[in-house]
PDB file of N, CA and C in Angstrom:
ATOM      1  N   MET A   1       5.183  35.660 -10.233  1.00  0.00           N
ATOM      2  CA  MET A   1       6.412  34.805 -10.772  1.00  0.00           C
ATOM      3  C   MET A   1       7.307  34.370  -9.226  1.00  0.00           C
ATOM      4  N   GLU A   2       7.752  33.036  -9.516  1.00  0.00           N
ATOM      5  CA  GLU A   2       8.599  32.570  -8.323  1.00  0.00           C
ATOM      6  C   GLU A   2      10.002  32.078  -9.037  1.00  0.00           C
ATOM      7  N   VAL A   3      10.652  32.365  -8.336  1.00  0.00           N
ATOM      8  CA  VAL A   3      12.215  32.481  -9.022  1.00  0.00           C
ATOM      9  C   VAL A   3      13.038  32.295  -7.533  1.00  0.00           C
ATOM     10  N   ASN A   4      14.226  30.930  -7.791  1.00  0.00           N
ATOM     11  CA  ASN A   4      15.037  30.809  -6.637  1.00  0.00           C
ATOM     12  C   ASN A   4      16.172  31.440  -6.263  1.00  0.00           C
ATOM     13  N   LEU A   5      16.419  31.584  -4.903  1.00  0.00           N
ATOM     14  CA  LEU A   5      17.012  32.422  -4.428  1.00  0.00           C
ATOM     15  C   LEU A   5      18.747  32.750  -4.917  1.00  0.00           C
ATOM     16  N   LEU A   6      19.165  31.743  -5.474  1.00  0.00           N
ATOM     17  CA  LEU A   6      20.709  32.126  -6.043  1.00  0.00           C
ATOM     18  C   LEU A   6      20.540  32.819  -7.851  1.00  0.00           C
ATOM     19  N   GLU A   7      18.806  32.285  -8.065  1.00  0.00           N
ATOM     20  CA  GLU A   7      18.709  33.664  -9.833  1.00  0.00           C
ATOM     21  C   GLU A   7      18.222  34.349  -9.485  1.00  0.00           C
ATOM     22  N   ALA A   8      17.451  34.733  -7.782  1.00  0.00           N
ATOM     23  CA  ALA A   8      17.717  36.186  -7.892  1.00  0.00           C
ATOM     24  C   ALA A   8      18.310  37.220  -7.418  1.00  0.00           C
ATOM     25  N   LYS A   9      19.522  36.304  -6.713  1.00  0.00           N
ATOM     26  CA  LYS A   9      21.004  36.724  -6.739  1.00  0.00           C
ATOM     27  C   LYS A   9      21.379  37.603  -8.072  1.00  0.00           C
ATOM     28  N   ALA A  10      21.155  36.970  -9.067  1.00  0.00           N
ATOM     29  CA  ALA A  10      21.831  37.441 -10.385  1.00  0.00           C
ATOM     30  C   ALA A  10      21.203  38.494 -10.956  1.00  0.00           C
ATOM     31  N   LYS A  11      19.044  38.299 -10.977  1.00  0.00           N
ATOM     32  CA  LYS A  11      18.836  39.042 -11.334  1.00  0.00           C
ATOM     33  C   LYS A  11      17.542  40.077 -10.772  1.00  0.00           C
ATOM     34  N   LEU A  12      18.072  40.723  -9.836  1.00  0.00           N
ATOM     35  CA  LEU A  12      17.584  41.518  -8.266  1.00  0.00           C
ATOM     36  C   LEU A  12      17.428  43.105  -8.916  1.00  0.00           C
ATOM     37  N   SER A  13      17.767  43.256 -10.194  1.00  0.00           N
ATOM     38  CA  SER A  13      17.406  44.477 -10.621  1.00  0.00           C
ATOM     39  C   SER A  13      16.140  44.504 -11.256  1.00  0.00           C
ATOM     40  N   GLU A  14      16.351  43.049 -12.294  1.00  0.00           N
ATOM     41  CA  GLU A  14      15.235  43.229 -13.118  1.00  0.00           C
ATOM     42  C   GLU A  14      13.463  42.461 -12.095  1.00  0.00           C
ATOM     43  N   LEU A  15      14.081  41.722 -10.862  1.00  0.00           N
ATOM     44  CA  LEU A  15      12.645  41.471 -10.104  1.00  0.00           C
ATOM     45  C   LEU A  15      11.978  43.101  -9.489  1.00  0.00           C
ATOM     46  N   VAL A  16      13.333  43.547  -9.074  1.00  0.00           N
ATOM     47  CA  VAL A  16      12.511  44.830  -8.468  1.00  0.00           C
ATOM     48  C   VAL A  16      11.578  45.625  -9.328  1.00  0.00           C
ATOM     49  N   GLN A  17      12.603  45.353 -10.953  1.00  0.00           N
ATOM     50  CA  GLN A  17      11.512  46.578 -11.910  1.00  0.00           C
ATOM     51  C   GLN A  17       9.832  45.910 -11.973  1.00  0.00           C
ATOM     52  N   ARG A  18       9.793  44.359 -11.814  1.00  0.00           N
ATOM     53  CA  ARG A  18       9.174  43.513 -12.128  1.00  0.00           C
ATOM     54  C   ARG A  18       7.427  44.129 -10.779  1.00  0.00           C
ATOM     55  N   SER A  19       8.526  43.983 -10.081  1.00  0.00           N
ATOM     56  CA  SER A  19       7.989  44.321  -8.592  1.00  0.00           C
ATOM     57  C   SER A  19       7.307  45.387  -8.229  1.00  0.00           C
ATOM     58  N   VAL A  20       8.026  46.571  -9.227  1.00  0.00           N
ATOM     59  CA  VAL A  20       7.186  48.320  -9.163  1.00  0.00           C
ATOM     60  C   VAL A  20       6.583  47.892 -10.192  1.00  0.00           C
ATOM     61  N   ALA A  21       6.101  47.194 -11.079  1.00  0.00           N
ATOM     62  CA  ALA A  21       5.631  47.128 -12.418  1.00  0.00           C
ATOM     63  C   ALA A  21       4.275  46.683 -11.956  1.00  0.00           C
ATOM     64  N   GLY A  22       4.327  45.809 -10.862  1.00  0.00           N
ATOM     65  CA  GLY A  22       3.091  45.418 -10.193  1.00  0.00           C
ATOM     66  C   GLY A  22       2.915  43.918 -10.162  1.00  0.00           C
ATOM     67  N   GLU A  23       3.797  42.752 -10.392  1.00  0.00           N
ATOM     68  CA  GLU A  23       4.137  41.675 -10.503  1.00  0.00           C
ATOM     69  C   GLU A  23       4.644  41.357  -9.350  1.00  0.00           C
ATOM     70  N   GLU A  24       4.017  40.104  -8.896  1.00  0.00           N
ATOM     71  CA  GLU A  24       4.153  39.579  -7.360  1.00  0.00           C
ATOM     72  C   GLU A  24       5.569  38.739  -7.726  1.00  0.00           C
ATOM     73  N   VAL A  25       6.112  38.816  -7.024  1.00  0.00           N
ATOM     74  CA  VAL A  25       8.201  38.625  -7.288  1.00  0.00           C
ATOM     75  C   VAL A  25       8.243  37.667  -5.998  1.00  0.00           C
ATOM     76  N   ILE A  26       8.430  35.972  -5.746  1.00  0.00           N
ATOM     77  CA  ILE A  26       8.428  35.374  -4.444  1.00  0.00           C
ATOM     78  C   ILE A  26       9.526  35.037  -4.677  1.00  0.00           C
ATOM     79  N   ILE A  27      10.443  34.642  -3.642  1.00  0.00           N
ATOM     80  CA  ILE A  27      12.046  34.287  -3.918  1.00  0.00           C
ATOM     81  C   ILE A  27      11.918  32.703  -3.107  1.00  0.00           C
ATOM     82  N   THR A  28      12.197  31.748  -3.537  1.00  0.00           N
ATOM     83  CA  THR A  28      12.509  30.665  -2.852  1.00  0.00           C
ATOM     84  C   THR A  28      13.468  29.827  -2.429  1.00  0.00           C
ATOM     85  N   LYS A  29      13.787  29.438  -1.514  1.00  0.00           N
ATOM     86  CA  LYS A  29      14.877  28.659  -1.342  1.00  0.00           C
ATOM     87  C   LYS A  29      14.766  26.751  -1.539  1.00  0.00           C
ATOM     88  N   ALA A  30      14.941  25.997  -1.923  1.00  0.00           N
ATOM     89  CA  ALA A  30      14.981  24.272  -2.027  1.00  0.00           C
ATOM     90  C   ALA A  30      13.306  24.338  -2.290  1.00  0.00           C
ATOM     91  N   GLY A  31      12.721  25.133  -3.103  1.00  0.00           N
ATOM     92  CA  GLY A  31      11.446  25.135  -3.394  1.00  0.00           C
ATOM     93  C   GLY A  31      10.270  25.998  -2.117  1.00  0.00           C
ATOM     94  N   GLU A  32      10.973  26.465  -1.396  1.00  0.00           N
ATOM     95  CA  GLU A  32       9.993  27.063  -0.166  1.00  0.00           C
ATOM     96  C   GLU A  32       9.849  28.267  -0.466  1.00  0.00           C
ATOM     97  N   PRO A  33       8.844  29.220  -0.434  1.00  0.00           N
ATOM     98  CA  PRO A  33       8.952  30.618  -0.475  1.00  0.00           C
ATOM     99  C   PRO A  33       9.317  31.178   0.711  1.00  0.00           C
ATOM    100  N   LEU A  34      10.513  32.186   0.410  1.00  0.00           N
ATOM    101  CA  LEU A  34      10.676  32.665   1.592  1.00  0.00           C
ATOM    102  C   LEU A  34      10.879  34.171   1.934  1.00  0.00           C
ATOM    103  N   VAL A  35      10.809  34.814   0.468  1.00  0.00           N
ATOM    104  CA  VAL A  35      10.310  36.279   0.707  1.00  0.00           C
ATOM    105  C   VAL A  35       9.432  36.444  -0.361  1.00  0.00           C
ATOM    106  N   ARG A  36       8.507  37.672  -0.759  1.00  0.00           N
ATOM    107  CA  ARG A  36       7.825  38.430  -1.611  1.00  0.00           C
ATOM    108  C   ARG A  36       8.302  39.660  -1.676  1.00  0.00           C
ATOM    109  N   LEU A  37       8.552  39.752  -2.632  1.00  0.00           N
ATOM    110  CA  LEU A  37       9.088  41.344  -3.233  1.00  0.00           C
ATOM    111  C   LEU A  37       7.683  42.056  -3.864  1.00  0.00           C
ATOM    112  N   ILE A  38       7.506  43.610  -2.884  1.00  0.00           N
ATOM    113  CA  ILE A  38       6.439  44.498  -2.751  1.00  0.00           C
ATOM    114  C   ILE A  38       7.229  45.898  -3.446  1.00  0.00           C
ATOM    115  N   LYS A  39       5.941  46.370  -3.717  1.00  0.00           N
ATOM    116  CA  LYS A  39       6.136  48.102  -4.194  1.00  0.00           C
ATOM    117  C   LYS A  39       6.069  48.277  -2.818  1.00  0.00           C
ATOM    118  N   TYR A  40       6.825  49.607  -2.441  1.00  0.00           N
ATOM    119  CA  TYR A  40       6.651  50.608  -1.194  1.00  0.00           C
ATOM    120  C   TYR A  40       6.424  51.761  -1.627  1.00  0.00           C
ATOM    121  N   GLU A  41       5.128  51.561  -0.950  1.00  0.00           N
ATOM    122  CA  GLU A  41       4.393  52.731  -0.977  1.00  0.00           C
ATOM    123  C   GLU A  41       4.603  53.538   0.229  1.00  0.00           C
ATOM    124  N   VAL A  42       4.646  55.095   0.095  1.00  0.00           N
ATOM    125  CA  VAL A  42       4.445  55.611   0.985  1.00  0.00           C
ATOM    126  C   VAL A  42       2.843  56.377   1.596  1.00  0.00           C
ATOM    127  N   ASP A  43       3.013  55.994   3.503  1.00  0.00           N
ATOM    128  CA  ASP A  43       1.733  56.398   3.946  1.00  0.00           C
ATOM    129  C   ASP A  43       1.195  57.580   3.613  1.00  0.00           C
ATOM    130  N   PRO A  44       0.056  57.989   2.739  1.00  0.00           N
ATOM    131  CA  PRO A  44      -0.307  58.913   2.774  1.00  0.00           C
ATOM    132  C   PRO A  44      -0.726  60.266   4.082  1.00  0.00           C
ATOM    133  N   ASN A  45      -0.796  59.408   5.306  1.00  0.00           N
ATOM    134  CA  ASN A  45      -1.375  59.828   6.572  1.00  0.00           C
ATOM    135  C   ASN A  45      -0.380  59.648   7.571  1.00  0.00           C
ATOM    136  N   PRO A  46       1.111  60.178   7.386  1.00  0.00           N
ATOM    137  CA  PRO A  46       1.585  59.154   8.969  1.00  0.00           C
ATOM    138  C   PRO A  46       1.186  60.051   9.697  1.00  0.00           C
ATOM    139  N   CYS A  47       1.511  59.259  10.633  1.00  0.00           N
ATOM    140  CA  CYS A  47       1.265  59.788  12.324  1.00  0.00           C
ATOM    141  C   CYS A  47       2.426  60.848  12.603  1.00  0.00           C
ATOM    142  N   ARG A  48       1.712  61.709  13.096  1.00  0.00           N
ATOM    143  CA  ARG A  48       2.433  63.386  13.467  1.00  0.00           C
ATOM    144  C   ARG A  48       2.313  63.078  14.673  1.00  0.00           C
ATOM    145  N   LEU A  49       3.731  63.126  15.505  1.00  0.00           N
ATOM    146  CA  LEU A  49       4.060  64.085  17.395  1.00  0.00           C
ATOM    147  C   LEU A  49       2.986  65.098  17.180  1.00  0.00           C
ATOM    148  N   GLY A  50       2.562  65.167  18.488  1.00  0.00           N
ATOM    149  CA  GLY A  50       1.220  65.893  18.813  1.00  0.00           C
ATOM    150  C   GLY A  50       0.318  66.275  18.094  1.00  0.00           C
ATOM    151  N   LEU A  51      -0.339  65.216  17.552  1.00  0.00           N
ATOM    152  CA  LEU A  51      -1.428  65.002  16.004  1.00  0.00           C
ATOM    153  C   LEU A  51      -3.061  65.748  17.562  1.00  0.00           C
ATOM    154  N   TYR A  52      -2.661  65.468  18.874  1.00  0.00           N
ATOM    155  CA  TYR A  52      -4.258  65.500  19.699  1.00  0.00           C
ATOM    156  C   TYR A  52      -3.532  66.939  20.061  1.00  0.00           C
ATOM    157  N   LYS A  53      -2.766  67.283  19.841  1.00  0.00           N
ATOM    158  CA  LYS A  53      -2.087  68.422  20.967  1.00  0.00           C
ATOM    159  C   LYS A  53      -3.825  69.897  20.984  1.00  0.00           C
ATOM    160  N   GLU A  54      -3.457  69.931  19.353  1.00  0.00           N
ATOM    161  CA  GLU A  54      -5.045  70.893  18.866  1.00  0.00           C
ATOM    162  C   GLU A  54      -6.013  70.418  19.113  1.00  0.00           C
ATOM    163  N   ALA A  55      -6.444  69.125  19.857  1.00  0.00           N
ATOM    164  CA  ALA A  55      -7.677  68.994  20.225  1.00  0.00           C
ATOM    165  C   ALA A  55      -8.142  69.639  21.743  1.00  0.00           C
ATOM    166  N   GLY A  56      -7.196  69.284  22.423  1.00  0.00           N
ATOM    167  CA  GLY A  56      -6.328  70.052  23.956  1.00  0.00           C
ATOM    168  C   GLY A  56      -6.810  68.393  24.800  1.00  0.00           C
ATOM    169  N   ILE A  57      -6.453  67.197  24.186  1.00  0.00           N
ATOM    170  CA  ILE A  57      -6.034  65.777  25.266  1.00  0.00           C
ATOM    171  C   ILE A  57      -4.916  66.317  25.428  1.00  0.00           C
ATOM    172  N   SER A  58      -4.394  65.449  26.480  1.00  0.00           N
ATOM    173  CA  SER A  58      -3.339  65.602  27.194  1.00  0.00           C
ATOM    174  C   SER A  58      -3.088  64.324  28.060  1.00  0.00           C
ATOM    175  N   ILE A  59      -1.670  63.624  28.008  1.00  0.00           N
ATOM    176  CA  ILE A  59      -1.618  62.359  28.447  1.00  0.00           C
ATOM    177  C   ILE A  59      -1.096  62.985  29.915  1.00  0.00           C
ATOM    178  N   GLY A  60      -1.488  63.820  30.204  1.00  0.00           N
ATOM    179  CA  GLY A  60      -0.035  64.415  31.725  1.00  0.00           C
ATOM    180  C   GLY A  60       0.783  65.071  31.362  1.00  0.00           C
ATOM    181  N   LYS A  61       1.208  65.154  33.176  1.00  0.00           N
ATOM    182  CA  LYS A  61       2.916  65.858  32.886  1.00  0.00           C
ATOM    183  C   LYS A  61       3.464  64.684  33.103  1.00  0.00           C
ATOM    184  N   GLY A  62       3.261  63.150  33.891  1.00  0.00           N
ATOM    185  CA  GLY A  62       4.293  62.377  34.275  1.00  0.00           C
ATOM    186  C   GLY A  62       3.734  61.071  34.029  1.00  0.00           C
ATOM    187  N   ILE A  63       4.938  59.994  33.922  1.00  0.00           N
ATOM    188  CA  ILE A  63       4.603  58.493  34.306  1.00  0.00           C
ATOM    189  C   ILE A  63       3.460  58.566  35.588  1.00  0.00           C
ATOM    190  N   GLN A  64       3.442  59.180  36.639  1.00  0.00           N
ATOM    191  CA  GLN A  64       2.799  59.044  37.785  1.00  0.00           C
ATOM    192  C   GLN A  64       1.767  59.542  37.620  1.00  0.00           C
ATOM    193  N   ASP A  65       1.504  60.866  37.005  1.00  0.00           N
ATOM    194  CA  ASP A  65      -0.046  61.544  36.749  1.00  0.00           C
ATOM    195  C   ASP A  65      -0.669  61.534  37.446  1.00  0.00           C
ATOM    196  N   GLY A  66       0.276  61.611  39.261  1.00  0.00           N
ATOM    197  CA  GLY A  66      -1.027  62.083  40.212  1.00  0.00           C
ATOM    198  C   GLY A  66      -1.007  60.446  40.930  1.00  0.00           C
ATOM    199  N   ASP A  67      -0.683  59.387  40.940  1.00  0.00           N
ATOM    200  CA  ASP A  67      -0.209  58.256  41.432  1.00  0.00           C
ATOM    201  C   ASP A  67       0.725  58.127  42.569  1.00  0.00           C
ATOM    202  N   VAL A  68       0.876  58.688  43.694  1.00  0.00           N
ATOM    203  CA  VAL A  68       2.071  58.522  44.844  1.00  0.00           C
ATOM    204  C   VAL A  68       2.769  57.478  44.722  1.00  0.00           C
ATOM    205  N   GLU A  69       1.856  56.294  44.737  1.00  0.00           N
ATOM    206  CA  GLU A  69       2.510  54.849  44.692  1.00  0.00           C
ATOM    207  C   GLU A  69       3.742  55.131  43.791  1.00  0.00           C
ATOM    208  N   LEU A  70       2.669  55.090  42.109  1.00  0.00           N
ATOM    209  CA  LEU A  70       3.932  55.064  41.186  1.00  0.00           C
ATOM    210  C   LEU A  70       5.234  56.136  41.338  1.00  0.00           C
ATOM    211  N   ALA A  71       4.663  57.355  41.762  1.00  0.00           N
ATOM    212  CA  ALA A  71       5.585  58.321  41.960  1.00  0.00           C
ATOM    213  C   ALA A  71       6.691  57.463  42.584  1.00  0.00           C
ATOM    214  N   ALA A  72       6.502  56.965  43.958  1.00  0.00           N
ATOM    215  CA  ALA A  72       7.318  56.511  44.774  1.00  0.00           C
ATOM    216  C   ALA A  72       8.225  55.328  44.454  1.00  0.00           C
ATOM    217  N   THR A  73       7.557  54.757  43.401  1.00  0.00           N
ATOM    218  CA  THR A  73       8.342  53.513  42.643  1.00  0.00           C
ATOM    219  C   THR A  73       9.592  53.226  41.930  1.00  0.00           C
ATOM    220  N   PHE A  74       9.074  54.793  40.988  1.00  0.00           N
ATOM    221  CA  PHE A  74      10.204  55.359  40.098  1.00  0.00           C
ATOM    222  C   PHE A  74      10.945  56.674  41.391  1.00  0.00           C
ATOM    223  N   GLY A  75      10.926  56.682  42.157  1.00  0.00           N
ATOM    224  CA  GLY A  75      11.061  57.624  42.518  1.00  0.00           C
ATOM    225  C   GLY A  75      11.073  59.119  42.300  1.00  0.00           C
ATOM    226  N   MET A  76       9.940  59.612  41.930  1.00  0.00           N
ATOM    227  CA  MET A  76       9.737  60.672  41.438  1.00  0.00           C
ATOM    228  C   MET A  76       8.936  61.121  42.938  1.00  0.00           C
ATOM    229  N   GLY A  77       9.292  62.585  42.992  1.00  0.00           N
ATOM    230  CA  GLY A  77       8.158  63.296  44.466  1.00  0.00           C
ATOM    231  C   GLY A  77       7.679  63.774  43.822  1.00  0.00           C
ATOM    232  N   GLU A  78       6.298  63.894  44.366  1.00  0.00           N
ATOM    233  CA  GLU A  78       5.239  64.283  44.226  1.00  0.00           C
ATOM    234  C   GLU A  78       5.298  66.011  44.176  1.00  0.00           C
TER     235      GLU A  78
END
């Protein structure tokens, strides 16, 4: 379904309901597509902080991680 921006403003609730029901809703301006309304879906596998900690993988103690030149650049003493 395509609807112009002015009409979309007046019928936003209806357009959202149609989108949630699975209908593709395209909002246009001067006949050119601007946006597509789609149903928001929660990611079933969100990224977790510390995910690899249990696997024993480490990224090191700091940005320099033993690089003396990099540590000096950022004013970090070894």
